[in-house]
């Protein structure tokens, strides 16, 4: 029997058993119900977005909120150290997102172009790249931790606590990058429900492991981060089996055996992954490091200021995860339609994603504005911290709509394979938080810092929507497809029949 096989630049046939042929049908036949290149956009956006939102919310619960809940029961000092540790872990996670972001865009474009072989090749190679990238990030960041703590003006006892939280995260970073890259492969195919179900398993493990390691084994801060990374690593093994069963990846062992032969195509995939993922990854890294400097001004207000800032970010966790869900949806919709050459539908899809995101944001904004103290009180009983975080929540209730614009169009640009515009807007505008905080904090206290944060957030949301509307992203083509001037192989060159 014959099977359609992929090799970089050409296709060949070879003799295989009927069992292999049955497996091939799963690989080569696209599920048209998962494509966004035709049909009702509203229905497709909702179908894609809700599992991603629940997955991201579960991730937030599994890491930020759950950790804050348990660590907050130890002391306010632990909670303050966790806030700084969380900012730094965001930097590591942001750098780690380079591979998943690029994977999502390239797989989406490949699926939209009905080039499933390229999609499978991208997925397999980038799982390997995930491990390499995670180890590289850890090797760079671990020696820098003492310097980073110094930037935040964190005192020695809190620096020790923050280090206990961060060190396991950095050592085990490949686990979470692998999980996110695997999720990106599923999403690129339009399957957002499988990653969500797997995240539920991660969350269940985290719920069990966190209190067990934090209190029963008395590991404290370290127990929280070990619980997180162990949960992700364990569930990724299940994900790996499902990816292979679906035919979304090939054997990693085979990939290693072919790496020399396929080096030219592999480098093209890796280069495109970096080109798409690096700018957005740098955004997240910049966010983390800018907050290190902003935290210097917050630290002037003591434990109350740092704890309130951490709680403010926890209060924004839900809208942030909503934004991430719709951003990933925008990336899928835009990527698949660009792969199919349908630019008008890609543009329409991006704006439709934004409008639909405002529906849940309106509901949450009302809750955040009218119950700011109650939401802050979930994380602490310290009244001074609650009063400070209360103002943050009230301002955030209005700025979250602009934050949606920033996140969603960043995802849309990534889907188009052009993620430089979000970085060009993000870096200078977010960096303005540092001088604004320096100017406003002496005059208005912590409220001045809140104003600096939200004024820049609103500005970014407006600017990125304007840049998307210019339409220059339409010049991007399917990254792994043939260029118009490339020669087309004759039919006889495409087949090798034995």
Protein backbone atom coordinates (compact mmCIF):
# COMPACT_ATOMS: atom_id res chain seq x y z
CA UNK A 1 0.00 0.00 0.00
CA UNK A 2 1.03 3.57 -0.54
CA UNK A 3 1.34 6.41 1.95
CA UNK A 4 1.78 10.11 1.21
CA UNK A 5 4.97 11.17 3.06
CA UNK A 6 6.53 14.56 3.68
CA UNK A 7 10.11 15.55 3.08
CA UNK A 8 11.20 19.21 3.01
CA UNK A 9 10.55 20.58 -0.45
CA UNK A 10 8.87 17.47 -1.92
CA UNK A 11 6.46 14.62 -1.35
CA UNK A 12 7.11 10.93 -1.89
CA UNK A 13 5.17 7.68 -1.76
CA UNK A 14 6.35 4.55 0.03
CA UNK A 15 5.00 1.08 0.81
CA UNK A 16 3.27 0.75 4.18
CA UNK A 17 0.71 -1.42 5.91
CA UNK A 18 -3.01 -0.71 5.97
CA UNK A 19 -2.65 0.25 9.64
CA UNK A 20 -0.36 3.11 8.66
CA UNK A 21 -2.73 4.15 5.91
CA UNK A 22 -5.59 4.43 8.41
CA UNK A 23 -3.38 6.63 10.58
CA UNK A 24 -2.58 8.80 7.57
CA UNK A 25 -6.23 9.74 7.11
CA UNK A 26 -6.18 11.44 10.47
CA UNK A 27 -3.08 13.38 9.49
CA UNK A 28 -3.84 14.46 5.94
CA UNK A 29 -7.58 15.15 6.13
CA UNK A 30 -8.24 18.56 7.65
CA UNK A 31 -11.29 18.90 9.90
CA UNK A 32 -13.12 21.68 8.05
CA UNK A 33 -15.31 22.37 11.09
CA UNK A 34 -12.18 23.71 12.85
CA UNK A 35 -11.30 26.17 10.07
CA UNK A 36 -12.27 29.85 10.28
CA UNK A 37 -11.85 30.62 6.58
CA UNK A 38 -15.61 30.45 5.94
CA UNK A 39 -18.87 30.33 7.87
CA UNK A 40 -20.28 32.39 10.74
CA UNK A 41 -17.47 34.39 12.36
CA UNK A 42 -19.29 35.12 15.61
CA UNK A 43 -19.98 31.44 16.23
CA UNK A 44 -16.42 30.47 15.32
CA UNK A 45 -14.90 33.12 17.60
CA UNK A 46 -16.99 32.05 20.56
CA UNK A 47 -16.22 28.37 19.87
CA UNK A 48 -12.50 29.12 19.87
CA UNK A 49 -12.42 31.66 22.69
CA UNK A 50 -14.32 30.09 25.57
CA UNK A 51 -12.05 27.04 26.03
CA UNK A 52 -8.97 29.28 25.81
CA UNK A 53 -10.45 31.67 28.37
CA UNK A 54 -11.22 28.84 30.76
CA UNK A 55 -7.77 27.40 30.17
CA UNK A 56 -6.07 30.75 30.83
CA UNK A 57 -8.28 31.37 33.85
CA UNK A 58 -7.36 27.93 35.13
CA UNK A 59 -3.70 28.74 34.54
CA UNK A 60 -4.12 31.97 36.50
CA UNK A 61 -5.88 30.11 39.29
CA UNK A 62 -3.24 27.38 39.20
CA UNK A 63 -0.36 29.83 39.51
CA UNK A 64 -1.03 33.43 40.53
CA UNK A 65 -4.30 33.37 42.44
CA UNK A 66 -3.90 29.98 44.10
CA UNK A 67 -0.35 30.79 45.16
CA UNK A 68 -1.45 34.16 46.54
CA UNK A 69 -4.29 32.52 48.45
CA UNK A 70 -2.08 29.97 50.20
CA UNK A 71 1.01 32.16 50.65
CA UNK A 72 -1.16 34.99 52.00
CA UNK A 73 -2.14 32.70 54.87
CA UNK A 74 1.49 32.65 56.03
CA UNK A 75 2.13 36.43 56.31
CA UNK A 76 1.98 39.79 54.50
CA UNK A 77 5.78 39.63 54.18
CA UNK A 78 5.48 36.37 52.24
CA UNK A 79 2.76 37.95 50.07
CA UNK A 80 4.95 40.99 49.34
CA UNK A 81 7.89 38.73 48.39
CA UNK A 82 5.53 36.71 46.18
CA UNK A 83 4.53 39.90 44.33
CA UNK A 84 8.16 40.55 43.34
CA UNK A 85 8.76 36.86 42.62
CA UNK A 86 5.68 36.86 40.40
CA UNK A 87 6.91 39.87 38.39
CA UNK A 88 10.20 38.09 37.74
CA UNK A 89 8.50 34.80 36.90
CA UNK A 90 6.39 36.73 34.36
CA UNK A 91 9.65 37.69 32.70
CA UNK A 92 10.70 34.04 32.45
CA UNK A 93 7.25 32.96 31.22
CA UNK A 94 7.19 35.84 28.72
CA UNK A 95 10.53 34.78 27.25
CA UNK A 96 9.28 31.20 27.20
CA UNK A 97 6.27 32.28 25.12
CA UNK A 98 8.55 32.92 22.13
CA UNK A 99 8.18 29.34 20.89
CA UNK A 100 4.41 28.90 21.56
CA UNK A 101 3.55 32.25 19.90
CA UNK A 102 5.52 31.42 16.78
CA UNK A 103 4.16 27.87 16.74
CA UNK A 104 0.54 29.05 16.95
CA UNK A 105 0.99 31.47 14.04
CA UNK A 106 2.89 29.08 11.75
CA UNK A 107 0.60 26.12 12.40
CA UNK A 108 -2.49 28.33 11.85
CA UNK A 109 -1.12 29.62 8.55
CA UNK A 110 -0.17 26.10 7.44
CA UNK A 111 -3.63 24.76 8.28
CA UNK A 112 -5.30 27.70 6.50
CA UNK A 113 -3.17 26.93 3.43
CA UNK A 114 -4.16 23.25 3.77
CA UNK A 115 -0.48 22.35 4.15
CA UNK A 116 -0.80 19.87 6.99
CA UNK A 117 2.68 18.48 6.41
CA UNK A 118 4.27 21.83 7.23
CA UNK A 119 1.99 22.15 10.26
CA UNK A 120 3.17 18.78 11.54
CA UNK A 121 6.80 19.62 10.86
CA UNK A 122 6.52 22.96 12.72
CA UNK A 123 4.87 21.31 15.71
CA UNK A 124 7.45 18.55 16.08
CA UNK A 125 10.47 20.79 15.65
CA UNK A 126 9.18 23.42 18.07
CA UNK A 127 8.64 20.89 20.84
CA UNK A 128 12.36 20.23 20.63
CA UNK A 129 13.01 23.98 20.49
CA UNK A 130 10.88 24.42 23.63
CA UNK A 131 13.27 22.34 25.71
CA UNK A 132 16.36 24.09 24.35
CA UNK A 133 14.83 27.54 24.87
CA UNK A 134 13.69 26.80 28.41
CA UNK A 135 17.14 25.63 29.47
CA UNK A 136 18.75 28.67 27.87
CA UNK A 137 16.45 31.09 29.74
CA UNK A 138 17.15 29.37 33.05
CA UNK A 139 20.91 29.42 32.52
CA UNK A 140 20.81 33.19 31.93
CA UNK A 141 18.29 34.26 34.58
CA UNK A 142 19.43 32.22 37.60
CA UNK A 143 22.81 34.00 37.95
CA UNK A 144 21.04 37.38 37.55
CA UNK A 145 18.52 36.90 40.37
CA UNK A 146 20.54 38.74 43.09
CA UNK A 147 20.93 41.72 40.75
CA UNK A 148 17.21 41.73 39.94
CA UNK A 149 16.26 41.67 43.62
CA UNK A 150 18.55 44.67 44.11
CA UNK A 151 16.65 46.64 41.47
CA UNK A 152 13.41 46.24 43.42
CA UNK A 153 14.92 47.48 46.71
CA UNK A 154 13.73 44.20 48.22
CA UNK A 155 15.17 43.70 51.68
CA UNK A 156 17.25 40.59 52.41
CA UNK A 157 14.55 38.49 54.16
CA UNK A 158 12.02 39.07 51.36
CA UNK A 159 14.71 38.41 48.71
CA UNK A 160 15.33 34.99 50.29
CA UNK A 161 11.60 34.23 50.14
CA UNK A 162 11.32 35.41 46.52
CA UNK A 163 14.30 33.25 45.58
CA UNK A 164 12.69 30.19 47.15
CA UNK A 165 9.70 30.76 44.86
CA UNK A 166 11.62 31.55 41.66
CA UNK A 167 14.42 28.99 41.63
CA UNK A 168 12.23 25.89 41.02
CA UNK A 169 10.30 27.76 38.32
CA UNK A 170 13.48 28.55 36.39
CA UNK A 171 15.00 25.08 36.79
CA UNK A 172 11.80 23.39 35.57
CA UNK A 173 10.87 26.06 32.98
CA UNK A 174 10.94 23.65 29.96
CA UNK A 175 7.91 21.86 31.45
CA UNK A 176 5.58 24.82 31.11
CA UNK A 177 7.00 25.88 27.72
CA UNK A 178 6.40 22.37 26.37
CA UNK A 179 2.81 22.47 27.63
CA UNK A 180 2.19 25.87 26.01
CA UNK A 181 3.80 24.82 22.72
CA UNK A 182 1.68 21.68 22.67
CA UNK A 183 -1.39 23.81 23.31
CA UNK A 184 -0.35 26.10 20.44
CA UNK A 185 -0.21 23.12 18.07
CA UNK A 186 -3.76 22.13 18.97
CA UNK A 187 -4.98 25.73 18.68
CA UNK A 188 -3.34 26.24 15.32
CA UNK A 189 -5.53 23.39 14.08
CA UNK A 190 -8.58 25.16 15.54
CA UNK A 191 -8.80 22.74 18.49
CA UNK A 192 -8.96 24.82 21.68
CA UNK A 193 -10.94 22.33 23.77
CA UNK A 194 -8.24 19.69 24.23
CA UNK A 195 -5.72 22.11 25.81
CA UNK A 196 -8.50 23.33 28.11
CA UNK A 197 -9.33 19.82 29.30
CA UNK A 198 -5.66 19.12 29.93
CA UNK A 199 -5.35 22.36 31.90
CA UNK A 200 -8.17 21.15 34.14
CA UNK A 201 -5.97 18.19 35.00
CA UNK A 202 -3.09 20.58 35.75
CA UNK A 203 -5.37 22.63 38.00
CA UNK A 204 -6.59 19.53 39.84
CA UNK A 205 -3.02 18.43 40.51
CA UNK A 206 -2.08 21.93 41.64
CA UNK A 207 -4.98 22.10 44.09
CA UNK A 208 -3.82 18.86 45.67
CA UNK A 209 -0.08 19.54 45.63
CA UNK A 210 0.01 23.21 46.73
CA UNK A 211 -1.25 22.94 50.32
CA UNK A 212 0.45 19.57 50.65
CA UNK A 213 3.89 20.93 49.72
CA UNK A 214 3.49 24.39 51.28
CA UNK A 215 2.18 23.30 54.69
CA UNK A 216 2.42 19.51 55.13
CA UNK A 217 6.00 19.27 53.87
CA UNK A 218 6.71 22.79 55.15
CA UNK A 219 8.30 23.95 51.87
CA UNK A 220 6.58 27.33 51.96
CA UNK A 221 7.27 29.47 48.87
CA UNK A 222 9.25 26.68 47.21
CA UNK A 223 6.33 24.29 47.64
CA UNK A 224 4.04 26.60 45.66
CA UNK A 225 6.32 26.75 42.61
CA UNK A 226 7.27 23.06 42.69
CA UNK A 227 3.56 22.19 42.72
CA UNK A 228 3.04 24.36 39.62
CA UNK A 229 5.87 23.00 37.51
CA UNK A 230 5.30 19.37 38.53
CA UNK A 231 1.64 19.64 37.51
CA UNK A 232 2.49 21.08 34.08
CA UNK A 233 5.26 18.59 33.38
CA UNK A 234 3.14 15.58 34.29
CA UNK A 235 0.18 16.60 32.14
CA UNK A 236 2.41 17.41 29.15
CA UNK A 237 3.21 13.71 28.88
CA UNK A 238 -0.49 13.07 28.31
CA UNK A 239 -0.59 15.91 25.77
CA UNK A 240 2.35 14.41 23.88
CA UNK A 241 0.48 11.13 23.41
CA UNK A 242 -2.61 12.98 22.15
CA UNK A 243 -0.61 15.09 19.71
CA UNK A 244 0.93 11.97 18.21
CA UNK A 245 -2.41 10.17 18.10
CA UNK A 246 -4.04 13.11 16.27
CA UNK A 247 -1.19 13.14 13.77
CA UNK A 248 -0.27 16.73 14.64
CA UNK A 249 3.38 15.79 15.22
CA UNK A 250 5.76 13.12 13.98
CA UNK A 251 8.06 10.99 16.09
CA UNK A 252 10.55 13.17 17.96
CA UNK A 253 13.07 10.37 17.59
CA UNK A 254 12.66 10.53 13.82
CA UNK A 255 13.03 14.30 13.96
CA UNK A 256 16.40 13.94 15.66
CA UNK A 257 17.52 11.37 13.09
CA UNK A 258 16.60 13.72 10.23
CA UNK A 259 17.89 16.95 11.75
CA UNK A 260 21.06 17.08 9.63
CA UNK A 261 19.26 16.19 6.41
CA UNK A 262 16.46 18.72 7.03
CA UNK A 263 18.65 21.44 8.51
CA UNK A 264 17.76 24.05 5.86
CA UNK A 265 14.02 23.69 6.31
CA UNK A 266 14.36 23.35 10.10
CA UNK A 267 16.28 26.59 10.26
CA UNK A 268 13.58 28.30 8.18
CA UNK A 269 10.91 27.14 10.65
CA UNK A 270 13.03 28.15 13.65
CA UNK A 271 13.82 31.54 12.10
CA UNK A 272 10.13 32.26 11.40
CA UNK A 273 9.22 31.13 14.92
CA UNK A 274 11.74 33.54 16.41
CA UNK A 275 10.71 36.36 14.07
CA UNK A 276 7.07 36.05 15.13
CA UNK A 277 7.51 35.12 18.78
CA UNK A 278 10.45 37.30 19.85
CA UNK A 279 8.79 40.75 19.70
CA UNK A 280 5.77 39.65 21.77
CA UNK A 281 8.04 37.70 24.09
CA UNK A 282 10.12 40.84 24.61
CA UNK A 283 6.91 42.70 25.43
CA UNK A 284 6.28 40.40 28.34
CA UNK A 285 9.90 40.61 29.42
CA UNK A 286 9.78 44.41 29.26
CA UNK A 287 6.60 44.37 31.34
CA UNK A 288 8.37 42.38 34.02
CA UNK A 289 11.48 44.55 34.08
CA UNK A 290 9.61 47.83 33.91
CA UNK A 291 7.66 46.68 36.94
CA UNK A 292 10.92 46.00 38.71
CA UNK A 293 11.70 49.72 38.41
CA UNK A 294 8.12 50.75 39.23
CA UNK A 295 8.35 48.52 42.30
CA UNK A 296 11.21 50.70 43.55
CA UNK A 297 8.71 53.52 44.02
CA UNK A 298 6.07 51.18 45.40
CA UNK A 299 8.61 49.83 47.91
CA UNK A 300 8.83 53.35 49.40
CA UNK A 301 5.36 52.68 50.78
CA UNK A 302 6.52 49.50 52.50
CA UNK A 303 4.85 46.11 52.64
CA UNK A 304 1.42 47.73 52.19
CA UNK A 305 2.36 49.15 48.79
CA UNK A 306 3.91 45.93 47.43
CA UNK A 307 1.07 43.76 48.71
CA UNK A 308 -1.55 46.14 47.24
CA UNK A 309 0.17 46.12 43.85
CA UNK A 310 0.24 42.32 43.88
CA UNK A 311 -3.46 42.18 44.82
CA UNK A 312 -4.31 44.69 42.09
CA UNK A 313 -2.76 42.40 39.51
CA UNK A 314 -4.64 39.44 40.96
CA UNK A 315 -7.88 41.42 40.60
CA UNK A 316 -7.04 41.97 36.93
CA UNK A 317 -6.28 38.29 36.43
CA UNK A 318 -9.73 37.49 35.03
CA UNK A 319 -9.86 40.33 32.46
CA UNK A 320 -6.25 39.60 31.53
CA UNK A 321 -7.10 35.95 30.87
CA UNK A 322 -10.18 36.99 28.88
CA UNK A 323 -7.92 39.22 26.80
CA UNK A 324 -5.40 36.43 26.28
CA UNK A 325 -8.18 34.07 25.19
CA UNK A 326 -9.48 36.51 22.61
CA UNK A 327 -5.90 37.39 21.55
CA UNK A 328 -5.19 33.72 20.82
CA UNK A 329 -8.51 33.51 18.99
CA UNK A 330 -7.56 36.55 16.89
CA UNK A 331 -4.21 34.92 16.12
CA UNK A 332 -5.94 31.73 14.94
CA UNK A 333 -8.55 33.55 12.84
CA UNK A 334 -6.04 35.91 11.23
CA UNK A 335 -3.41 33.20 10.72
CA UNK A 336 -5.76 30.69 9.07
CA UNK A 337 -7.27 33.33 6.79
CA UNK A 338 -3.89 34.71 5.76
CA UNK A 339 -2.81 31.13 5.00
CA UNK A 340 -5.92 30.87 2.80
CA UNK A 341 -5.21 34.28 1.23
CA UNK A 342 -8.45 35.76 2.64
CA UNK A 343 -7.23 39.13 3.99
CA UNK A 344 -10.60 40.87 4.21
CA UNK A 345 -11.97 38.11 6.42
CA UNK A 346 -8.80 38.24 8.54
CA UNK A 347 -9.35 41.97 9.14
CA UNK A 348 -13.03 41.54 9.84
CA UNK A 349 -12.27 38.70 12.23
CA UNK A 350 -9.81 40.76 14.30
CA UNK A 351 -12.30 43.59 14.86
CA UNK A 352 -15.12 41.14 15.58
CA UNK A 353 -12.98 39.48 18.26
CA UNK A 354 -12.45 42.88 19.93
CA UNK A 355 -16.16 43.75 19.96
CA UNK A 356 -17.14 40.37 21.39
CA UNK A 357 -14.51 40.68 24.13
CA UNK A 358 -16.17 43.84 25.44
CA UNK A 359 -19.30 41.90 26.45
CA UNK A 360 -17.73 39.95 29.35
CA UNK A 361 -15.52 42.96 30.19
CA UNK A 362 -18.59 45.12 30.78
CA UNK A 363 -19.90 42.63 33.32
CA UNK A 364 -16.58 42.31 35.12
CA UNK A 365 -15.95 46.08 35.00
CA UNK A 366 -19.21 46.72 36.85
CA UNK A 367 -18.30 44.19 39.53
CA UNK A 368 -14.77 45.55 39.89
CA UNK A 369 -15.98 49.15 40.22
CA UNK A 370 -18.77 48.61 42.73
CA UNK A 371 -17.08 45.91 44.84
CA UNK A 372 -13.36 46.85 44.78
CA UNK A 373 -12.70 46.34 48.49
CA UNK A 374 -14.50 43.00 48.59
CA UNK A 375 -12.38 41.68 45.71
CA UNK A 376 -9.18 42.89 47.40
CA UNK A 377 -10.34 41.27 50.63
CA UNK A 378 -10.22 37.84 49.01
CA UNK A 379 -6.43 37.91 49.23
CA UNK A 380 -5.76 39.58 52.58
CA UNK A 381 -7.35 40.74 55.82
CA UNK A 382 -4.93 43.68 56.21
CA UNK A 383 -7.22 46.72 56.07
CA UNK A 384 -4.51 49.16 54.95
CA UNK A 385 -3.65 46.89 52.01
CA UNK A 386 -7.34 46.56 51.08
CA UNK A 387 -7.86 50.35 51.08
CA UNK A 388 -4.82 50.89 48.85
CA UNK A 389 -5.78 48.11 46.41
CA UNK A 390 -9.38 49.36 46.32
CA UNK A 391 -8.44 52.45 44.30
CA UNK A 392 -6.44 50.32 41.85
CA UNK A 393 -9.50 48.15 41.21
CA UNK A 394 -11.80 51.10 40.60
CA UNK A 395 -9.49 52.61 37.97
CA UNK A 396 -8.91 49.21 36.39
CA UNK A 397 -12.67 48.84 35.82
CA UNK A 398 -12.40 51.46 33.05
CA UNK A 399 -8.97 50.70 31.59
CA UNK A 400 -9.65 47.00 30.92
CA UNK A 401 -11.47 47.85 27.67
CA UNK A 402 -8.30 49.44 26.28
CA UNK A 403 -6.26 46.53 27.61
CA UNK A 404 -8.47 44.26 25.47
CA UNK A 405 -7.51 46.25 22.39
CA UNK A 406 -3.82 45.96 23.19
CA UNK A 407 -3.95 42.21 23.76
CA UNK A 408 -6.26 41.30 20.87
CA UNK A 409 -4.48 43.27 18.17
CA UNK A 410 -1.13 41.98 19.44
CA UNK A 411 -2.55 38.49 18.82
CA UNK A 412 -3.85 39.54 15.41
CA UNK A 413 -0.45 40.91 14.39
CA UNK A 414 1.17 37.67 15.56
CA UNK A 415 -1.29 35.65 13.47
CA UNK A 416 -0.30 37.78 10.50
CA UNK A 417 3.35 36.96 11.20
CA UNK A 418 4.12 40.64 11.88
CA UNK A 419 4.57 41.14 15.61
CA UNK A 420 6.94 44.13 15.47
CA UNK A 421 4.21 46.84 15.62
CA UNK A 422 2.98 45.78 19.09
CA UNK A 423 6.56 45.89 20.37
CA UNK A 424 7.17 49.32 18.80
CA UNK A 425 4.16 50.66 20.71
CA UNK A 426 4.58 48.68 23.90
CA UNK A 427 8.19 49.42 24.80
CA UNK A 428 8.21 53.24 24.79
CA UNK A 429 4.70 53.70 26.18
CA UNK A 430 5.05 51.15 28.99
CA UNK A 431 8.50 52.55 29.85
CA UNK A 432 6.79 55.90 30.49
CA UNK A 433 5.41 54.36 33.69
CA UNK A 434 8.82 54.80 35.31
CA UNK A 435 9.15 58.61 34.97
CA UNK A 436 5.40 59.08 35.53
CA UNK A 437 5.58 57.08 38.76
CA UNK A 438 8.60 59.13 39.85
CA UNK A 439 6.70 62.37 39.21
CA UNK A 440 3.27 61.41 40.53
CA UNK A 441 4.13 59.22 43.54
CA UNK A 442 5.54 62.06 45.71
CA UNK A 443 2.46 64.15 45.03
CA UNK A 444 -0.36 61.59 45.09
CA UNK A 445 1.17 58.59 46.87
CA UNK A 446 0.20 55.13 45.65
CA UNK A 447 -2.67 56.66 43.65
CA UNK A 448 -0.05 58.45 41.54
CA UNK A 449 1.49 55.11 40.64
CA UNK A 450 -1.94 53.74 39.75
CA UNK A 451 -2.50 56.75 37.45
CA UNK A 452 0.86 56.13 35.73
CA UNK A 453 -0.02 52.49 35.10
CA UNK A 454 -3.48 53.05 33.67
CA UNK A 455 -2.72 56.17 31.58
CA UNK A 456 -0.11 54.21 29.64
CA UNK A 457 -2.43 51.20 29.32
CA UNK A 458 -5.14 53.33 27.68
CA UNK A 459 -2.61 54.92 25.33
CA UNK A 460 -1.33 51.53 24.13
CA UNK A 461 -4.85 50.27 23.41
CA UNK A 462 -5.64 53.27 21.21
CA UNK A 463 -2.35 53.27 19.30
CA UNK A 464 -2.29 49.56 18.41
CA UNK A 465 -5.88 49.65 17.11
CA UNK A 466 -4.91 52.59 14.88
CA UNK A 467 -1.82 50.75 13.56
CA UNK A 468 -3.86 47.64 12.73
CA UNK A 469 -6.37 49.81 10.89
CA UNK A 470 -3.57 51.09 8.60
CA UNK A 471 -3.57 47.59 7.06
CA UNK A 472 0.15 47.23 6.37
CA UNK A 473 0.03 43.72 7.88
CA UNK A 474 -1.77 42.64 4.69
CA UNK A 475 1.61 42.59 2.95
CA UNK A 476 2.49 39.44 4.91
CA UNK A 477 2.20 36.07 3.15
CA UNK A 478 2.10 32.45 4.32
CA UNK A 479 5.58 32.24 5.87
CA UNK A 480 6.40 28.67 4.83
CA UNK A 481 4.74 28.74 1.43
CA UNK A 482 6.48 29.03 -1.91
CA UNK A 483 7.26 32.51 -3.20
CA UNK A 484 5.62 33.42 -6.52
CA UNK A 485 8.96 33.39 -8.33
CA UNK A 486 9.98 29.95 -7.08
CA UNK A 487 9.90 27.24 -9.78
CA UNK A 488 7.12 24.70 -9.54
CA UNK A 489 8.20 21.08 -9.62
CA UNK A 490 6.80 18.91 -12.37
CA UNK A 491 4.37 16.17 -11.27
CA UNK A 492 6.94 13.43 -11.94
CA UNK A 493 9.32 15.07 -9.42
CA UNK A 494 6.73 14.84 -6.65
CA UNK A 495 6.47 11.06 -6.68
CA UNK A 496 8.88 8.26 -5.93
CA UNK A 497 6.96 5.03 -6.49
CA UNK A 498 8.73 1.78 -5.62
